[in-house]
Amino acid sequence: MNYRDPQLQGRLAAEYVSGAMRGGARRRFEGLMAADAALRREVREWENDVYPLTWSLPPQMPPSRVWRAIRARLRGNAPSFSWAWDGVYLWRLLSGGLAFVLMAGLVIFPMQVDRAARAQLLAVLQTPEARAALVVRVASDGTLHVRTLEDLSQVATGKSLELWAIPPGQAPKSLGLVAPAGATALARGNGLIGVDVLAITLEPPGGAPNGKATGPILMSGKVLEM
């Protein structure tokens, strides 16, 4: 397996960031990342695309049965010791917890400040089956960074994938052609200002004739502020 293949790196990075990669495969991938700067960049790009989606989700309170199961497992695995203040285990537990809180503060607080300072527009385009297939993120200079979440090469065989902006009450406007796999950068000075919805259509090679969509809509999604 050629781990330097860009398409393979993109697919593996997506699985790693999304959490789909587990166990030994995840550890092997982390070893590959340590030795490959291009792979680390690919992972960072996926994190920039996926993490804003996570931050935008409302918090969910786990059901009480989850907390009961956690307490039961903790009681079952708890070591036998005295809760005296001079207990070595207790001090280790307290010091470990304090270290975790300090590290979380150092990492999460700047992240939240930075996030608030650079709110961005982002859209996740879904198929009619509600499957997320493509992410569009707007850079600070207005450039659209488009990344497919799956290989669309078979869908686009002999055709072109074209991205459209749909402002409210107006006709769709073409933003350009999108690569069926991997990343595409589309220059656009004003980003997605005034655009409510994005869509991908299947068009003839080279794009829609006369700037008007002719093919079926493969996916669409609302533009969100993160």
C-alpha atoms as a PDB file:
ATOM      1  CA  MET A   1       0.000   0.000   0.000  1.00  0.00           C
ATOM      2  CA  ASN A   2       1.427   3.355  -1.094  1.00  0.00           C
ATOM      3  CA  TYR A   3       0.891   5.644   1.900  1.00  0.00           C
ATOM      4  CA  ARG A   4       2.208   8.625  -0.082  1.00  0.00           C
ATOM      5  CA  ASP A   5      -0.707   8.489  -2.519  1.00  0.00           C
ATOM      6  CA  PRO A   6      -2.656  11.766  -1.971  1.00  0.00           C
ATOM      7  CA  GLN A   7      -6.081  10.148  -2.335  1.00  0.00           C
ATOM      8  CA  LEU A   8      -5.197   7.396   0.141  1.00  0.00           C
ATOM      9  CA  GLN A   9      -3.800   9.961   2.568  1.00  0.00           C
ATOM     10  CA  GLY A  10      -7.013  11.982   2.317  1.00  0.00           C
ATOM     11  CA  ARG A  11      -9.186   8.931   2.982  1.00  0.00           C
ATOM     12  CA  LEU A  12      -7.094   7.765   5.938  1.00  0.00           C
ATOM     13  CA  ALA A  13      -6.972  11.287   7.401  1.00  0.00           C
ATOM     14  CA  ALA A  14     -10.767  11.517   7.156  1.00  0.00           C
ATOM     15  CA  GLU A  15     -11.175   8.188   8.985  1.00  0.00           C
ATOM     16  CA  TYR A  16      -8.689   9.279  11.662  1.00  0.00           C
ATOM     17  CA  VAL A  17     -10.283  12.666  12.349  1.00  0.00           C
ATOM     18  CA  SER A  18     -13.846  11.309  12.291  1.00  0.00           C
ATOM     19  CA  GLY A  19     -12.962   8.564  14.779  1.00  0.00           C
ATOM     20  CA  ALA A  20     -13.765   5.736  12.364  1.00  0.00           C
ATOM     21  CA  MET A  21     -10.154   4.511  12.623  1.00  0.00           C
ATOM     22  CA  ARG A  22      -9.618   2.561  15.846  1.00  0.00           C
ATOM     23  CA  GLY A  23      -7.262   0.295  17.745  1.00  0.00           C
ATOM     24  CA  GLY A  24      -4.087  -0.893  16.042  1.00  0.00           C
ATOM     25  CA  ALA A  25      -4.916   0.851  12.777  1.00  0.00           C
ATOM     26  CA  ARG A  26      -5.123   4.191  14.607  1.00  0.00           C
ATOM     27  CA  ARG A  27      -1.781   3.612  16.336  1.00  0.00           C
ATOM     28  CA  ARG A  28      -0.112   2.656  13.041  1.00  0.00           C
ATOM     29  CA  PHE A  29      -1.515   5.778  11.397  1.00  0.00           C
ATOM     30  CA  GLU A  30      -0.143   7.963  14.198  1.00  0.00           C
ATOM     31  CA  GLY A  31       3.254   6.378  13.565  1.00  0.00           C
ATOM     32  CA  LEU A  32       2.959   7.245   9.876  1.00  0.00           C
ATOM     33  CA  MET A  33       2.009  10.830  10.757  1.00  0.00           C
ATOM     34  CA  ALA A  34       5.116  11.225  12.915  1.00  0.00           C
ATOM     35  CA  ALA A  35       7.303  10.526   9.870  1.00  0.00           C
ATOM     36  CA  ASP A  36       5.286  12.257   7.122  1.00  0.00           C
ATOM     37  CA  ALA A  37       4.762  16.032   7.126  1.00  0.00           C
ATOM     38  CA  ALA A  38       2.327  15.848   4.185  1.00  0.00           C
ATOM     39  CA  LEU A  39       0.149  13.422   6.108  1.00  0.00           C
ATOM     40  CA  ARG A  40       0.163  15.715   9.145  1.00  0.00           C
ATOM     41  CA  ARG A  41      -0.950  18.620   6.939  1.00  0.00           C
ATOM     42  CA  GLU A  42      -3.763  16.484   5.532  1.00  0.00           C
ATOM     43  CA  VAL A  43      -4.960  15.666   9.048  1.00  0.00           C
ATOM     44  CA  ARG A  44      -4.859  19.356  10.054  1.00  0.00           C
ATOM     45  CA  GLU A  45      -6.926  20.286   7.003  1.00  0.00           C
ATOM     46  CA  TRP A  46      -9.537  17.688   7.895  1.00  0.00           C
ATOM     47  CA  GLU A  47      -9.584  18.941  11.485  1.00  0.00           C
ATOM     48  CA  ASN A  48     -10.199  22.482  10.203  1.00  0.00           C
ATOM     49  CA  ASP A  49     -13.152  21.185   8.176  1.00  0.00           C
ATOM     50  CA  VAL A  50     -14.696  18.772  10.688  1.00  0.00           C
ATOM     51  CA  TYR A  51     -14.110  20.337  14.109  1.00  0.00           C
ATOM     52  CA  PRO A  52     -16.250  23.449  13.443  1.00  0.00           C
ATOM     53  CA  LEU A  53     -19.147  21.071  12.797  1.00  0.00           C
ATOM     54  CA  THR A  54     -18.588  19.483  16.197  1.00  0.00           C
ATOM     55  CA  TRP A  55     -18.394  22.875  17.934  1.00  0.00           C
ATOM     56  CA  SER A  56     -21.662  23.961  16.322  1.00  0.00           C
ATOM     57  CA  LEU A  57     -23.652  21.026  17.710  1.00  0.00           C
ATOM     58  CA  PRO A  58     -25.767  21.749  20.808  1.00  0.00           C
ATOM     59  CA  PRO A  59     -24.636  19.926  23.979  1.00  0.00           C
ATOM     60  CA  GLN A  60     -26.502  16.729  24.759  1.00  0.00           C
ATOM     61  CA  MET A  61     -27.095  15.369  28.267  1.00  0.00           C
ATOM     62  CA  PRO A  62     -26.499  11.601  28.401  1.00  0.00           C
ATOM     63  CA  PRO A  63     -29.392   9.576  29.842  1.00  0.00           C
ATOM     64  CA  SER A  64     -29.188   8.584  33.506  1.00  0.00           C
ATOM     65  CA  ARG A  65     -28.499   4.952  32.619  1.00  0.00           C
ATOM     66  CA  VAL A  66     -25.149   5.999  31.119  1.00  0.00           C
ATOM     67  CA  TRP A  67     -24.061   7.637  34.383  1.00  0.00           C
ATOM     68  CA  ARG A  68     -25.228   4.581  36.358  1.00  0.00           C
ATOM     69  CA  ALA A  69     -23.178   2.295  34.111  1.00  0.00           C
ATOM     70  CA  ILE A  70     -20.092   4.513  34.515  1.00  0.00           C
ATOM     71  CA  ARG A  71     -20.421   4.533  38.323  1.00  0.00           C
ATOM     72  CA  ALA A  72     -20.880   0.761  38.366  1.00  0.00           C
ATOM     73  CA  ARG A  73     -17.735   0.214  36.298  1.00  0.00           C
ATOM     74  CA  LEU A  74     -15.739   2.621  38.444  1.00  0.00           C
ATOM     75  CA  ARG A  75     -16.820   0.823  41.612  1.00  0.00           C
ATOM     76  CA  GLY A  76     -15.976  -2.518  40.069  1.00  0.00           C
ATOM     77  CA  ASN A  77     -12.487  -1.400  39.002  1.00  0.00           C
ATOM     78  CA  ALA A  78     -11.675   0.742  42.031  1.00  0.00           C
ATOM     79  CA  PRO A  79      -8.591  -0.423  43.976  1.00  0.00           C
ATOM     80  CA  SER A  80      -8.875  -1.243  47.642  1.00  0.00           C
ATOM     81  CA  PHE A  81      -7.276   1.497  49.741  1.00  0.00           C
ATOM     82  CA  SER A  82      -7.964   3.736  52.673  1.00  0.00           C
ATOM     83  CA  TRP A  83      -9.368   7.192  51.923  1.00  0.00           C
ATOM     84  CA  ALA A  84      -6.919   8.688  54.430  1.00  0.00           C
ATOM     85  CA  TRP A  85      -5.366  11.955  53.303  1.00  0.00           C
ATOM     86  CA  ASP A  86      -1.915  10.406  53.420  1.00  0.00           C
ATOM     87  CA  GLY A  87      -2.977   7.637  51.011  1.00  0.00           C
ATOM     88  CA  VAL A  88      -0.560   7.497  48.062  1.00  0.00           C
ATOM     89  CA  TYR A  89      -3.283   6.581  45.613  1.00  0.00           C
ATOM     90  CA  LEU A  90      -5.458   9.492  46.662  1.00  0.00           C
ATOM     91  CA  TRP A  91      -2.655  12.005  46.219  1.00  0.00           C
ATOM     92  CA  ARG A  92      -1.823  10.569  42.825  1.00  0.00           C
ATOM     93  CA  LEU A  93      -5.466  10.796  41.844  1.00  0.00           C
ATOM     94  CA  LEU A  94      -5.761  14.417  42.990  1.00  0.00           C
ATOM     95  CA  SER A  95      -2.524  15.502  41.366  1.00  0.00           C
ATOM     96  CA  GLY A  96      -3.449  13.754  38.120  1.00  0.00           C
ATOM     97  CA  GLY A  97      -6.863  15.412  38.118  1.00  0.00           C
ATOM     98  CA  LEU A  98      -5.341  18.825  38.782  1.00  0.00           C
ATOM     99  CA  ALA A  99      -2.847  18.351  35.968  1.00  0.00           C
ATOM    100  CA  PHE A 100      -5.672  17.407  33.611  1.00  0.00           C
ATOM    101  CA  VAL A 101      -7.680  20.514  34.547  1.00  0.00           C
ATOM    102  CA  LEU A 102      -4.667  22.761  34.018  1.00  0.00           C
ATOM    103  CA  MET A 103      -3.866  21.210  30.655  1.00  0.00           C
ATOM    104  CA  ALA A 104      -7.510  21.476  29.566  1.00  0.00           C
ATOM    105  CA  GLY A 105      -7.503  25.150  30.499  1.00  0.00           C
ATOM    106  CA  LEU A 106      -4.305  25.807  28.568  1.00  0.00           C
ATOM    107  CA  VAL A 107      -5.573  24.044  25.462  1.00  0.00           C
ATOM    108  CA  ILE A 108      -9.311  24.678  25.371  1.00  0.00           C
ATOM    109  CA  PHE A 109      -9.451  28.317  26.512  1.00  0.00           C
ATOM    110  CA  PRO A 110      -7.179  29.682  23.730  1.00  0.00           C
ATOM    111  CA  MET A 111      -9.057  27.474  21.274  1.00  0.00           C
ATOM    112  CA  GLN A 112     -12.387  28.987  22.269  1.00  0.00           C
ATOM    113  CA  VAL A 113     -10.990  32.541  22.151  1.00  0.00           C
ATOM    114  CA  ASP A 114      -9.508  31.917  18.734  1.00  0.00           C
ATOM    115  CA  ARG A 115     -12.752  30.367  17.535  1.00  0.00           C
ATOM    116  CA  ALA A 116     -14.785  33.367  18.664  1.00  0.00           C
ATOM    117  CA  ALA A 117     -12.340  35.719  16.958  1.00  0.00           C
ATOM    118  CA  ARG A 118     -12.579  33.999  13.587  1.00  0.00           C
ATOM    119  CA  ALA A 119     -16.178  32.959  13.020  1.00  0.00           C
ATOM    120  CA  GLN A 120     -16.420  31.440   9.576  1.00  0.00           C
ATOM    121  CA  LEU A 121     -19.017  30.302   7.068  1.00  0.00           C
ATOM    122  CA  LEU A 122     -19.284  26.634   6.354  1.00  0.00           C
ATOM    123  CA  ALA A 123     -21.692  24.278   4.581  1.00  0.00           C
ATOM    124  CA  VAL A 124     -22.100  20.516   4.653  1.00  0.00           C
ATOM    125  CA  LEU A 125     -23.768  19.230   1.507  1.00  0.00           C
ATOM    126  CA  GLN A 126     -25.921  16.121   1.868  1.00  0.00           C
ATOM    127  CA  THR A 127     -27.333  13.666  -0.638  1.00  0.00           C
ATOM    128  CA  PRO A 128     -31.114  13.091  -0.854  1.00  0.00           C
ATOM    129  CA  GLU A 129     -30.508  10.156   1.511  1.00  0.00           C
ATOM    130  CA  ALA A 130     -29.180  12.640   4.139  1.00  0.00           C
ATOM    131  CA  ARG A 131     -25.610  11.386   3.789  1.00  0.00           C
ATOM    132  CA  ALA A 132     -22.950  14.074   4.238  1.00  0.00           C
ATOM    133  CA  ALA A 133     -20.790  13.981   1.112  1.00  0.00           C
ATOM    134  CA  LEU A 134     -18.984  17.326   0.807  1.00  0.00           C
ATOM    135  CA  VAL A 135     -17.818  20.231   2.984  1.00  0.00           C
ATOM    136  CA  VAL A 136     -17.336  23.830   1.853  1.00  0.00           C
ATOM    137  CA  ARG A 137     -15.342  26.163   4.110  1.00  0.00           C
ATOM    138  CA  VAL A 138     -14.655  29.859   3.495  1.00  0.00           C
ATOM    139  CA  ALA A 139     -11.128  31.142   4.135  1.00  0.00           C
ATOM    140  CA  SER A 140     -10.410  34.626   5.446  1.00  0.00           C
ATOM    141  CA  ASP A 141      -9.665  35.868   1.908  1.00  0.00           C
ATOM    142  CA  GLY A 142     -13.009  34.577   0.597  1.00  0.00           C
ATOM    143  CA  THR A 143     -11.570  31.475  -1.083  1.00  0.00           C
ATOM    144  CA  LEU A 144     -13.875  28.456  -0.959  1.00  0.00           C
ATOM    145  CA  HIS A 145     -12.156  25.264   0.179  1.00  0.00           C
ATOM    146  CA  VAL A 146     -14.203  22.308  -0.992  1.00  0.00           C
ATOM    147  CA  ARG A 147     -13.485  18.801   0.265  1.00  0.00           C
ATOM    148  CA  THR A 148     -15.306  15.605  -0.596  1.00  0.00           C
ATOM    149  CA  LEU A 149     -16.091  13.222   2.255  1.00  0.00           C
ATOM    150  CA  GLU A 150     -16.219  10.278  -0.103  1.00  0.00           C
ATOM    151  CA  ASP A 151     -14.902   9.423  -3.564  1.00  0.00           C
ATOM    152  CA  LEU A 152     -17.440  10.670  -6.109  1.00  0.00           C
ATOM    153  CA  SER A 153     -15.480   9.545  -9.169  1.00  0.00           C
ATOM    154  CA  GLN A 154     -17.980   6.853 -10.111  1.00  0.00           C
ATOM    155  CA  VAL A 155     -20.875   9.288  -9.811  1.00  0.00           C
ATOM    156  CA  ALA A 156     -19.077  11.805 -12.024  1.00  0.00           C
ATOM    157  CA  THR A 157     -17.849   9.389 -14.704  1.00  0.00           C
ATOM    158  CA  GLY A 158     -17.716  11.360 -17.961  1.00  0.00           C
ATOM    159  CA  LYS A 159     -19.394  14.334 -16.284  1.00  0.00           C
ATOM    160  CA  SER A 160     -18.457  17.385 -14.171  1.00  0.00           C
ATOM    161  CA  LEU A 161     -19.482  18.254 -10.640  1.00  0.00           C
ATOM    162  CA  GLU A 162     -20.478  21.918 -10.480  1.00  0.00           C
ATOM    163  CA  LEU A 163     -20.994  23.942  -7.308  1.00  0.00           C
ATOM    164  CA  TRP A 164     -23.826  26.503  -7.196  1.00  0.00           C
ATOM    165  CA  ALA A 165     -24.638  29.346  -4.837  1.00  0.00           C
ATOM    166  CA  ILE A 166     -28.366  29.911  -4.291  1.00  0.00           C
ATOM    167  CA  PRO A 167     -29.083  33.369  -2.839  1.00  0.00           C
ATOM    168  CA  PRO A 168     -32.623  33.834  -1.520  1.00  0.00           C
ATOM    169  CA  GLY A 169     -35.074  34.715  -4.295  1.00  0.00           C
ATOM    170  CA  GLN A 170     -32.412  34.602  -7.019  1.00  0.00           C
ATOM    171  CA  ALA A 171     -31.299  32.178  -9.694  1.00  0.00           C
ATOM    172  CA  PRO A 172     -28.407  29.800  -8.861  1.00  0.00           C
ATOM    173  CA  LYS A 173     -24.933  31.130  -9.665  1.00  0.00           C
ATOM    174  CA  SER A 174     -22.072  28.853 -10.622  1.00  0.00           C
ATOM    175  CA  LEU A 175     -19.060  28.872  -8.289  1.00  0.00           C
ATOM    176  CA  GLY A 176     -16.981  26.510 -10.405  1.00  0.00           C
ATOM    177  CA  LEU A 177     -16.176  22.852 -10.921  1.00  0.00           C
ATOM    178  CA  VAL A 178     -15.293  20.543  -8.032  1.00  0.00           C
ATOM    179  CA  ALA A 179     -12.885  17.595  -8.105  1.00  0.00           C
ATOM    180  CA  PRO A 180     -14.731  14.316  -7.473  1.00  0.00           C
ATOM    181  CA  ALA A 181     -12.197  13.284  -4.837  1.00  0.00           C
ATOM    182  CA  GLY A 182     -10.002  15.307  -2.491  1.00  0.00           C
ATOM    183  CA  ALA A 183      -9.836  19.081  -2.217  1.00  0.00           C
ATOM    184  CA  THR A 184     -10.676  21.981  -4.537  1.00  0.00           C
ATOM    185  CA  ALA A 185      -9.997  25.696  -3.987  1.00  0.00           C
ATOM    186  CA  LEU A 186     -12.317  28.187  -5.706  1.00  0.00           C
ATOM    187  CA  ALA A 187     -11.428  31.881  -5.719  1.00  0.00           C
ATOM    188  CA  ARG A 188     -14.339  34.090  -4.618  1.00  0.00           C
ATOM    189  CA  GLY A 189     -13.691  37.527  -3.193  1.00  0.00           C
ATOM    190  CA  ASN A 190     -16.811  37.850  -1.051  1.00  0.00           C
ATOM    191  CA  GLY A 191     -16.936  34.238   0.119  1.00  0.00           C
ATOM    192  CA  LEU A 192     -20.532  33.164   0.696  1.00  0.00           C
ATOM    193  CA  ILE A 193     -21.973  36.481   1.873  1.00  0.00           C
ATOM    194  CA  GLY A 194     -25.660  36.622   1.009  1.00  0.00           C
ATOM    195  CA  VAL A 195     -25.814  32.933   0.060  1.00  0.00           C
ATOM    196  CA  ASP A 196     -28.243  30.666   1.919  1.00  0.00           C
ATOM    197  CA  VAL A 197     -27.819  27.334   0.149  1.00  0.00           C
ATOM    198  CA  LEU A 198     -25.146  25.530  -1.866  1.00  0.00           C
ATOM    199  CA  ALA A 199     -25.776  22.687  -4.280  1.00  0.00           C
ATOM    200  CA  ILE A 200     -23.833  20.307  -6.519  1.00  0.00           C
ATOM    201  CA  THR A 201     -25.207  19.306  -9.917  1.00  0.00           C
ATOM    202  CA  LEU A 202     -24.006  16.809 -12.482  1.00  0.00           C
ATOM    203  CA  GLU A 203     -23.135  18.685 -15.682  1.00  0.00           C
ATOM    204  CA  PRO A 204     -21.555  17.989 -19.086  1.00  0.00           C
ATOM    205  CA  PRO A 205     -17.744  17.955 -19.255  1.00  0.00           C
ATOM    206  CA  GLY A 206     -16.459  21.478 -18.695  1.00  0.00           C
ATOM    207  CA  GLY A 207     -19.510  22.632 -16.785  1.00  0.00           C
ATOM    208  CA  ALA A 208     -23.070  23.780 -17.403  1.00  0.00           C
ATOM    209  CA  PRO A 209     -23.614  25.438 -20.788  1.00  0.00           C
ATOM    210  CA  ASN A 210     -24.467  29.148 -20.693  1.00  0.00           C
ATOM    211  CA  GLY A 211     -24.007  29.216 -16.914  1.00  0.00           C
ATOM    212  CA  LYS A 212     -27.357  27.515 -16.251  1.00  0.00           C
ATOM    213  CA  ALA A 213     -27.678  24.221 -14.414  1.00  0.00           C
ATOM    214  CA  THR A 214     -28.947  21.361 -16.577  1.00  0.00           C
ATOM    215  CA  GLY A 215     -28.201  18.204 -14.581  1.00  0.00           C
ATOM    216  CA  PRO A 216     -29.729  16.649 -11.490  1.00  0.00           C
ATOM    217  CA  ILE A 217     -28.959  18.003  -8.016  1.00  0.00           C
ATOM    218  CA  LEU A 218     -26.701  15.461  -6.312  1.00  0.00           C
ATOM    219  CA  MET A 219     -26.450  17.205  -2.924  1.00  0.00           C
ATOM    220  CA  SER A 220     -27.227  20.455  -1.194  1.00  0.00           C
ATOM    221  CA  GLY A 221     -26.773  22.158   2.170  1.00  0.00           C
ATOM    222  CA  LYS A 222     -27.378  25.369   4.092  1.00  0.00           C
ATOM    223  CA  VAL A 223     -24.590  27.882   4.717  1.00  0.00           C
ATOM    224  CA  LEU A 224     -23.927  28.125   8.461  1.00  0.00           C
ATOM    225  CA  GLU A 225     -21.897  30.551  10.554  1.00  0.00           C
ATOM    226  CA  MET A 226     -19.541  28.793  12.947  1.00  0.00           C
END
